[in-house]
């Protein structure tokens, strides 16, 4: 399984939606064992500054940006699929 990183902000409505979708999808057998490193960018700017993105939520799979911006359930599902 590939490494997944999620950059987010606690008060971001799109981030909250992404987290809700993740919680929902991780109930499925296929995705339940995927580990996601969640990085709150304002608490860890030293990490966030090492990555090239403008919007949150942003997902990286094995250090490659695979999603950035306003998520749908299908977007988050694609991220999880790429990590398998």
PDB file of N, CA and C in Angstrom:
ATOM      1  N   UNK A   1       0.834  -1.174   0.000  1.00  0.00           N
ATOM      2  CA  UNK A   1       0.000   0.000   0.000  1.00  0.00           C
ATOM      3  C   UNK A   1       0.884   1.245   0.000  1.00  0.00           C
ATOM      4  N   UNK A   2       0.449   2.238  -0.744  1.00  0.00           N
ATOM      5  CA  UNK A   2       1.233   3.464  -0.874  1.00  0.00           C
ATOM      6  C   UNK A   2       0.927   4.431   0.275  1.00  0.00           C
ATOM      7  N   UNK A   3       1.868   5.346   0.485  1.00  0.00           N
ATOM      8  CA  UNK A   3       1.730   6.341   1.542  1.00  0.00           C
ATOM      9  C   UNK A   3       0.768   7.444   1.093  1.00  0.00           C
ATOM     10  N   UNK A   4      -0.182   7.790   1.958  1.00  0.00           N
ATOM     11  CA  UNK A   4      -1.151   8.845   1.664  1.00  0.00           C
ATOM     12  C   UNK A   4      -0.988   9.958   2.694  1.00  0.00           C
ATOM     13  N   UNK A   5      -0.917  11.200   2.194  1.00  0.00           N
ATOM     14  CA  UNK A   5      -0.876  12.369   3.076  1.00  0.00           C
ATOM     15  C   UNK A   5      -2.049  13.262   2.728  1.00  0.00           C
ATOM     16  N   UNK A   6      -2.673  13.793   3.752  1.00  0.00           N
ATOM     17  CA  UNK A   6      -3.764  14.745   3.585  1.00  0.00           C
ATOM     18  C   UNK A   6      -3.384  16.035   4.296  1.00  0.00           C
ATOM     19  N   UNK A   7      -3.356  17.121   3.536  1.00  0.00           N
ATOM     20  CA  UNK A   7      -3.149  18.446   4.118  1.00  0.00           C
ATOM     21  C   UNK A   7      -4.522  19.096   4.255  1.00  0.00           C
ATOM     22  N   UNK A   8      -4.795  19.644   5.430  1.00  0.00           N
ATOM     23  CA  UNK A   8      -6.123  20.203   5.686  1.00  0.00           C
ATOM     24  C   UNK A   8      -6.040  21.324   6.716  1.00  0.00           C
ATOM     25  N   UNK A   9      -7.146  22.037   6.847  1.00  0.00           N
ATOM     26  CA  UNK A   9      -7.341  23.021   7.907  1.00  0.00           C
ATOM     27  C   UNK A   9      -8.615  22.645   8.652  1.00  0.00           C
ATOM     28  N   UNK A  10      -8.574  22.749   9.941  1.00  0.00           N
ATOM     29  CA  UNK A  10      -9.699  22.318  10.781  1.00  0.00           C
ATOM     30  C   UNK A  10     -11.000  23.065  10.459  1.00  0.00           C
ATOM     31  N   UNK A  11     -10.925  24.338  10.146  1.00  0.00           N
ATOM     32  CA  UNK A  11     -12.134  25.137   9.928  1.00  0.00           C
ATOM     33  C   UNK A  11     -12.558  25.213   8.459  1.00  0.00           C
ATOM     34  N   UNK A  12     -11.883  24.514   7.594  1.00  0.00           N
ATOM     35  CA  UNK A  12     -12.187  24.529   6.161  1.00  0.00           C
ATOM     36  C   UNK A  12     -13.394  23.627   5.878  1.00  0.00           C
ATOM     37  N   UNK A  13     -14.476  24.170   5.306  1.00  0.00           N
ATOM     38  CA  UNK A  13     -15.658  23.341   5.052  1.00  0.00           C
ATOM     39  C   UNK A  13     -15.394  22.207   4.059  1.00  0.00           C
ATOM     40  N   UNK A  14     -14.525  22.439   3.077  1.00  0.00           N
ATOM     41  CA  UNK A  14     -14.204  21.385   2.108  1.00  0.00           C
ATOM     42  C   UNK A  14     -13.373  20.279   2.758  1.00  0.00           C
ATOM     43  N   UNK A  15     -12.535  20.667   3.704  1.00  0.00           N
ATOM     44  CA  UNK A  15     -11.745  19.671   4.436  1.00  0.00           C
ATOM     45  C   UNK A  15     -12.656  18.804   5.300  1.00  0.00           C
ATOM     46  N   UNK A  16     -13.621  19.435   5.942  1.00  0.00           N
ATOM     47  CA  UNK A  16     -14.567  18.681   6.769  1.00  0.00           C
ATOM     48  C   UNK A  16     -15.351  17.695   5.917  1.00  0.00           C
ATOM     49  N   UNK A  17     -15.702  18.119   4.710  1.00  0.00           N
ATOM     50  CA  UNK A  17     -16.415  17.230   3.795  1.00  0.00           C
ATOM     51  C   UNK A  17     -15.513  16.065   3.393  1.00  0.00           C
ATOM     52  N   UNK A  18     -14.244  16.349   3.094  1.00  0.00           N
ATOM     53  CA  UNK A  18     -13.301  15.289   2.724  1.00  0.00           C
ATOM     54  C   UNK A  18     -13.139  14.293   3.869  1.00  0.00           C
ATOM     55  N   UNK A  19     -13.043  14.788   5.087  1.00  0.00           N
ATOM     56  CA  UNK A  19     -12.906  13.911   6.254  1.00  0.00           C
ATOM     57  C   UNK A  19     -14.150  13.044   6.433  1.00  0.00           C
ATOM     58  N   UNK A  20     -15.312  13.613   6.187  1.00  0.00           N
ATOM     59  CA  UNK A  20     -16.560  12.844   6.271  1.00  0.00           C
ATOM     60  C   UNK A  20     -16.562  11.738   5.222  1.00  0.00           C
ATOM     61  N   UNK A  21     -16.159  12.062   4.000  1.00  0.00           N
ATOM     62  CA  UNK A  21     -16.104  11.059   2.934  1.00  0.00           C
ATOM     63  C   UNK A  21     -15.098   9.961   3.271  1.00  0.00           C
ATOM     64  N   UNK A  22     -13.946  10.350   3.816  1.00  0.00           N
ATOM     65  CA  UNK A  22     -12.937   9.362   4.212  1.00  0.00           C
ATOM     66  C   UNK A  22     -13.498   8.405   5.258  1.00  0.00           C
ATOM     67  N   UNK A  23     -14.150   8.964   6.249  1.00  0.00           N
ATOM     68  CA  UNK A  23     -14.725   8.139   7.318  1.00  0.00           C
ATOM     69  C   UNK A  23     -15.734   7.144   6.738  1.00  0.00           C
ATOM     70  N   UNK A  24     -16.538   7.624   5.824  1.00  0.00           N
ATOM     71  CA  UNK A  24     -17.549   6.772   5.185  1.00  0.00           C
ATOM     72  C   UNK A  24     -16.896   5.656   4.360  1.00  0.00           C
ATOM     73  N   UNK A  25     -15.910   6.013   3.550  1.00  0.00           N
ATOM     74  CA  UNK A  25     -15.261   5.035   2.671  1.00  0.00           C
ATOM     75  C   UNK A  25     -14.427   4.024   3.449  1.00  0.00           C
ATOM     76  N   UNK A  26     -13.821   4.461   4.554  1.00  0.00           N
ATOM     77  CA  UNK A  26     -12.965   3.549   5.320  1.00  0.00           C
ATOM     78  C   UNK A  26     -13.761   2.473   6.053  1.00  0.00           C
ATOM     79  N   UNK A  27     -15.066   2.561   6.018  1.00  0.00           N
ATOM     80  CA  UNK A  27     -15.913   1.497   6.562  1.00  0.00           C
ATOM     81  C   UNK A  27     -15.980   0.316   5.598  1.00  0.00           C
ATOM     82  N   UNK A  28     -15.631   0.573   4.336  1.00  0.00           N
ATOM     83  CA  UNK A  28     -15.653  -0.488   3.332  1.00  0.00           C
ATOM     84  C   UNK A  28     -14.418  -1.371   3.490  1.00  0.00           C
ATOM     85  N   UNK A  29     -14.599  -2.636   3.304  1.00  0.00           N
ATOM     86  CA  UNK A  29     -13.516  -3.618   3.449  1.00  0.00           C
ATOM     87  C   UNK A  29     -12.301  -3.241   2.602  1.00  0.00           C
ATOM     88  N   UNK A  30     -12.542  -2.805   1.391  1.00  0.00           N
ATOM     89  CA  UNK A  30     -11.456  -2.491   0.452  1.00  0.00           C
ATOM     90  C   UNK A  30     -10.526  -1.391   0.972  1.00  0.00           C
ATOM     91  N   UNK A  31     -11.068  -0.440   1.706  1.00  0.00           N
ATOM     92  CA  UNK A  31     -10.298   0.743   2.110  1.00  0.00           C
ATOM     93  C   UNK A  31      -9.948   0.793   3.596  1.00  0.00           C
ATOM     94  N   UNK A  32     -10.427  -0.137   4.379  1.00  0.00           N
ATOM     95  CA  UNK A  32     -10.314  -0.020   5.840  1.00  0.00           C
ATOM     96  C   UNK A  32      -8.884   0.006   6.364  1.00  0.00           C
ATOM     97  N   UNK A  33      -7.934  -0.592   5.652  1.00  0.00           N
ATOM     98  CA  UNK A  33      -6.557  -0.657   6.147  1.00  0.00           C
ATOM     99  C   UNK A  33      -5.652   0.447   5.606  1.00  0.00           C
ATOM    100  N   UNK A  34      -6.200   1.340   4.817  1.00  0.00           N
ATOM    101  CA  UNK A  34      -5.390   2.434   4.270  1.00  0.00           C
ATOM    102  C   UNK A  34      -5.098   3.427   5.390  1.00  0.00           C
ATOM    103  N   UNK A  35      -3.825   3.698   5.581  1.00  0.00           N
ATOM    104  CA  UNK A  35      -3.421   4.671   6.596  1.00  0.00           C
ATOM    105  C   UNK A  35      -3.184   6.011   5.925  1.00  0.00           C
ATOM    106  N   UNK A  36      -3.691   7.048   6.553  1.00  0.00           N
ATOM    107  CA  UNK A  36      -3.568   8.392   5.998  1.00  0.00           C
ATOM    108  C   UNK A  36      -2.898   9.280   7.031  1.00  0.00           C
ATOM    109  N   UNK A  37      -1.788   9.878   6.629  1.00  0.00           N
ATOM    110  CA  UNK A  37      -1.111  10.844   7.496  1.00  0.00           C
ATOM    111  C   UNK A  37      -1.821  12.182   7.310  1.00  0.00           C
ATOM    112  N   UNK A  38      -2.456  12.651   8.362  1.00  0.00           N
ATOM    113  CA  UNK A  38      -3.219  13.889   8.277  1.00  0.00           C
ATOM    114  C   UNK A  38      -2.397  15.025   8.870  1.00  0.00           C
ATOM    115  N   UNK A  39      -2.159  16.044   8.045  1.00  0.00           N
ATOM    116  CA  UNK A  39      -1.300  17.153   8.447  1.00  0.00           C
ATOM    117  C   UNK A  39      -2.115  18.441   8.431  1.00  0.00           C
ATOM    118  N   UNK A  40      -2.339  18.984   9.614  1.00  0.00           N
ATOM    119  CA  UNK A  40      -3.045  20.261   9.711  1.00  0.00           C
ATOM    120  C   UNK A  40      -2.023  21.358   9.420  1.00  0.00           C
ATOM    121  N   UNK A  41      -2.210  22.025   8.286  1.00  0.00           N
ATOM    122  CA  UNK A  41      -1.138  22.889   7.790  1.00  0.00           C
ATOM    123  C   UNK A  41      -0.795  24.051   8.710  1.00  0.00           C
ATOM    124  N   UNK A  42      -1.752  24.600   9.448  1.00  0.00           N
ATOM    125  CA  UNK A  42      -1.401  25.715  10.329  1.00  0.00           C
ATOM    126  C   UNK A  42      -0.694  25.251  11.601  1.00  0.00           C
ATOM    127  N   UNK A  43      -0.777  23.964  11.928  1.00  0.00           N
ATOM    128  CA  UNK A  43      -0.044  23.429  13.083  1.00  0.00           C
ATOM    129  C   UNK A  43       1.329  22.899  12.687  1.00  0.00           C
ATOM    130  N   UNK A  44       1.496  22.588  11.409  1.00  0.00           N
ATOM    131  CA  UNK A  44       2.763  22.031  10.924  1.00  0.00           C
ATOM    132  C   UNK A  44       3.210  22.733   9.640  1.00  0.00           C
ATOM    133  N   UNK A  45       3.410  24.056   9.708  1.00  0.00           N
ATOM    134  CA  UNK A  45       3.805  24.785   8.498  1.00  0.00           C
ATOM    135  C   UNK A  45       5.155  24.331   7.952  1.00  0.00           C
ATOM    136  N   UNK A  46       6.015  23.831   8.830  1.00  0.00           N
ATOM    137  CA  UNK A  46       7.334  23.367   8.375  1.00  0.00           C
ATOM    138  C   UNK A  46       7.203  22.163   7.447  1.00  0.00           C
ATOM    139  N   UNK A  47       6.170  21.366   7.612  1.00  0.00           N
ATOM    140  CA  UNK A  47       5.918  20.235   6.709  1.00  0.00           C
ATOM    141  C   UNK A  47       5.179  20.731   5.474  1.00  0.00           C
ATOM    142  N   UNK A  48       4.125  21.511   5.684  1.00  0.00           N
ATOM    143  CA  UNK A  48       3.306  22.009   4.569  1.00  0.00           C
ATOM    144  C   UNK A  48       4.143  22.801   3.573  1.00  0.00           C
ATOM    145  N   UNK A  49       5.103  23.555   4.051  1.00  0.00           N
ATOM    146  CA  UNK A  49       5.945  24.375   3.170  1.00  0.00           C
ATOM    147  C   UNK A  49       6.801  23.545   2.221  1.00  0.00           C
ATOM    148  N   UNK A  50       6.948  22.276   2.487  1.00  0.00           N
ATOM    149  CA  UNK A  50       7.758  21.409   1.625  1.00  0.00           C
ATOM    150  C   UNK A  50       6.970  20.880   0.430  1.00  0.00           C
ATOM    151  N   UNK A  51       5.666  21.172   0.382  1.00  0.00           N
ATOM    152  CA  UNK A  51       4.798  20.635  -0.666  1.00  0.00           C
ATOM    153  C   UNK A  51       4.205  21.762  -1.496  1.00  0.00           C
ATOM    154  N   UNK A  52       3.962  21.459  -2.775  1.00  0.00           N
ATOM    155  CA  UNK A  52       3.463  22.450  -3.721  1.00  0.00           C
ATOM    156  C   UNK A  52       1.949  22.311  -3.885  1.00  0.00           C
ATOM    157  N   UNK A  53       1.200  23.104  -3.143  1.00  0.00           N
ATOM    158  CA  UNK A  53      -0.254  23.126  -3.292  1.00  0.00           C
ATOM    159  C   UNK A  53      -0.762  24.491  -2.848  1.00  0.00           C
ATOM    160  N   UNK A  54      -1.967  24.831  -3.305  1.00  0.00           N
ATOM    161  CA  UNK A  54      -2.564  26.122  -2.970  1.00  0.00           C
ATOM    162  C   UNK A  54      -3.824  25.987  -2.130  1.00  0.00           C
ATOM    163  N   UNK A  55      -4.569  24.910  -2.354  1.00  0.00           N
ATOM    164  CA  UNK A  55      -5.863  24.738  -1.703  1.00  0.00           C
ATOM    165  C   UNK A  55      -5.863  23.502  -0.812  1.00  0.00           C
ATOM    166  N   UNK A  56      -6.716  23.542   0.197  1.00  0.00           N
ATOM    167  CA  UNK A  56      -6.949  22.361   1.015  1.00  0.00           C
ATOM    168  C   UNK A  56      -8.408  21.977   0.848  1.00  0.00           C
ATOM    169  N   UNK A  57      -8.711  20.718   0.951  1.00  0.00           N
ATOM    170  CA  UNK A  57      -7.804  19.604   1.219  1.00  0.00           C
ATOM    171  C   UNK A  57      -6.957  19.247   0.004  1.00  0.00           C
ATOM    172  N   UNK A  58      -5.753  18.753   0.279  1.00  0.00           N
ATOM    173  CA  UNK A  58      -4.861  18.243  -0.759  1.00  0.00           C
ATOM    174  C   UNK A  58      -4.362  16.874  -0.329  1.00  0.00           C
ATOM    175  N   UNK A  59      -4.418  15.944  -1.266  1.00  0.00           N
ATOM    176  CA  UNK A  59      -3.947  14.581  -1.025  1.00  0.00           C
ATOM    177  C   UNK A  59      -2.716  14.296  -1.871  1.00  0.00           C
ATOM    178  N   UNK A  60      -1.737  13.651  -1.249  1.00  0.00           N
ATOM    179  CA  UNK A  60      -0.556  13.131  -1.944  1.00  0.00           C
ATOM    180  C   UNK A  60      -0.532  11.621  -1.743  1.00  0.00           C
ATOM    181  N   UNK A  61      -0.218  10.906  -2.807  1.00  0.00           N
ATOM    182  CA  UNK A  61      -0.012   9.461  -2.729  1.00  0.00           C
ATOM    183  C   UNK A  61       1.418   9.210  -3.183  1.00  0.00           C
ATOM    184  N   UNK A  62       2.226   8.638  -2.302  1.00  0.00           N
ATOM    185  CA  UNK A  62       3.659   8.438  -2.563  1.00  0.00           C
ATOM    186  C   UNK A  62       4.316   9.710  -3.085  1.00  0.00           C
ATOM    187  N   UNK A  63       4.047  10.817  -2.399  1.00  0.00           N
ATOM    188  CA  UNK A  63       4.658  12.118  -2.668  1.00  0.00           C
ATOM    189  C   UNK A  63       4.220  12.760  -3.987  1.00  0.00           C
ATOM    190  N   UNK A  64       3.182  12.239  -4.623  1.00  0.00           N
ATOM    191  CA  UNK A  64       2.645  12.823  -5.856  1.00  0.00           C
ATOM    192  C   UNK A  64       1.270  13.399  -5.538  1.00  0.00           C
ATOM    193  N   UNK A  65       1.077  14.678  -5.876  1.00  0.00           N
ATOM    194  CA  UNK A  65      -0.225  15.295  -5.621  1.00  0.00           C
ATOM    195  C   UNK A  65      -1.267  14.660  -6.531  1.00  0.00           C
ATOM    196  N   UNK A  66      -2.340  14.133  -5.927  1.00  0.00           N
ATOM    197  CA  UNK A  66      -3.376  13.459  -6.706  1.00  0.00           C
ATOM    198  C   UNK A  66      -4.733  14.148  -6.598  1.00  0.00           C
ATOM    199  N   UNK A  67      -4.885  15.045  -5.641  1.00  0.00           N
ATOM    200  CA  UNK A  67      -6.142  15.785  -5.531  1.00  0.00           C
ATOM    201  C   UNK A  67      -5.915  17.054  -4.722  1.00  0.00           C
ATOM    202  N   UNK A  68      -6.609  18.128  -5.161  1.00  0.00           N
ATOM    203  CA  UNK A  68      -6.524  19.405  -4.460  1.00  0.00           C
ATOM    204  C   UNK A  68      -7.828  20.164  -4.691  1.00  0.00           C
ATOM    205  N   UNK A  69      -8.438  20.651  -3.617  1.00  0.00           N
ATOM    206  CA  UNK A  69      -9.614  21.499  -3.772  1.00  0.00           C
ATOM    207  C   UNK A  69     -10.892  20.911  -3.229  1.00  0.00           C
ATOM    208  N   UNK A  70     -12.004  21.324  -3.823  1.00  0.00           N
ATOM    209  CA  UNK A  70     -13.347  20.947  -3.365  1.00  0.00           C
ATOM    210  C   UNK A  70     -13.643  19.493  -3.727  1.00  0.00           C
ATOM    211  N   UNK A  71     -13.781  18.610  -2.727  1.00  0.00           N
ATOM    212  CA  UNK A  71     -13.919  17.181  -3.015  1.00  0.00           C
ATOM    213  C   UNK A  71     -15.361  16.703  -3.175  1.00  0.00           C
ATOM    214  N   UNK A  72     -15.488  15.649  -3.964  1.00  0.00           N
ATOM    215  CA  UNK A  72     -16.719  14.867  -4.001  1.00  0.00           C
ATOM    216  C   UNK A  72     -16.371  13.494  -3.429  1.00  0.00           C
ATOM    217  N   UNK A  73     -17.371  12.707  -3.159  1.00  0.00           N
ATOM    218  CA  UNK A  73     -17.125  11.345  -2.682  1.00  0.00           C
ATOM    219  C   UNK A  73     -16.291  10.576  -3.703  1.00  0.00           C
ATOM    220  N   UNK A  74     -16.583  10.762  -4.981  1.00  0.00           N
ATOM    221  CA  UNK A  74     -15.835  10.067  -6.035  1.00  0.00           C
ATOM    222  C   UNK A  74     -14.369  10.497  -6.063  1.00  0.00           C
ATOM    223  N   UNK A  75     -14.094  11.772  -5.812  1.00  0.00           N
ATOM    224  CA  UNK A  75     -12.702  12.250  -5.761  1.00  0.00           C
ATOM    225  C   UNK A  75     -11.926  11.518  -4.669  1.00  0.00           C
ATOM    226  N   UNK A  76     -12.522  11.411  -3.502  1.00  0.00           N
ATOM    227  CA  UNK A  76     -11.845  10.767  -2.376  1.00  0.00           C
ATOM    228  C   UNK A  76     -11.684   9.274  -2.646  1.00  0.00           C
ATOM    229  N   UNK A  77     -12.661   8.684  -3.267  1.00  0.00           N
ATOM    230  CA  UNK A  77     -12.570   7.265  -3.629  1.00  0.00           C
ATOM    231  C   UNK A  77     -11.409   7.038  -4.600  1.00  0.00           C
ATOM    232  N   UNK A  78     -11.232   7.944  -5.568  1.00  0.00           N
ATOM    233  CA  UNK A  78     -10.107   7.836  -6.516  1.00  0.00           C
ATOM    234  C   UNK A  78      -8.763   7.932  -5.792  1.00  0.00           C
ATOM    235  N   UNK A  79      -8.684   8.815  -4.805  1.00  0.00           N
ATOM    236  CA  UNK A  79      -7.454   8.926  -4.009  1.00  0.00           C
ATOM    237  C   UNK A  79      -7.159   7.591  -3.334  1.00  0.00           C
ATOM    238  N   UNK A  80      -8.156   7.021  -2.698  1.00  0.00           N
ATOM    239  CA  UNK A  80      -7.958   5.750  -1.997  1.00  0.00           C
ATOM    240  C   UNK A  80      -7.590   4.638  -2.973  1.00  0.00           C
ATOM    241  N   UNK A  81      -8.214   4.623  -4.126  1.00  0.00           N
ATOM    242  CA  UNK A  81      -7.888   3.607  -5.142  1.00  0.00           C
ATOM    243  C   UNK A  81      -6.429   3.721  -5.573  1.00  0.00           C
ATOM    244  N   UNK A  82      -5.944   4.941  -5.715  1.00  0.00           N
ATOM    245  CA  UNK A  82      -4.556   5.140  -6.133  1.00  0.00           C
ATOM    246  C   UNK A  82      -3.565   4.676  -5.082  1.00  0.00           C
ATOM    247  N   UNK A  83      -4.017   4.567  -3.853  1.00  0.00           N
ATOM    248  CA  UNK A  83      -3.103   4.158  -2.784  1.00  0.00           C
ATOM    249  C   UNK A  83      -2.987   2.640  -2.652  1.00  0.00           C
ATOM    250  N   UNK A  84      -3.871   1.911  -3.316  1.00  0.00           N
ATOM    251  CA  UNK A  84      -3.862   0.443  -3.207  1.00  0.00           C
ATOM    252  C   UNK A  84      -2.769  -0.186  -4.060  1.00  0.00           C
TER     253      UNK A  84
END
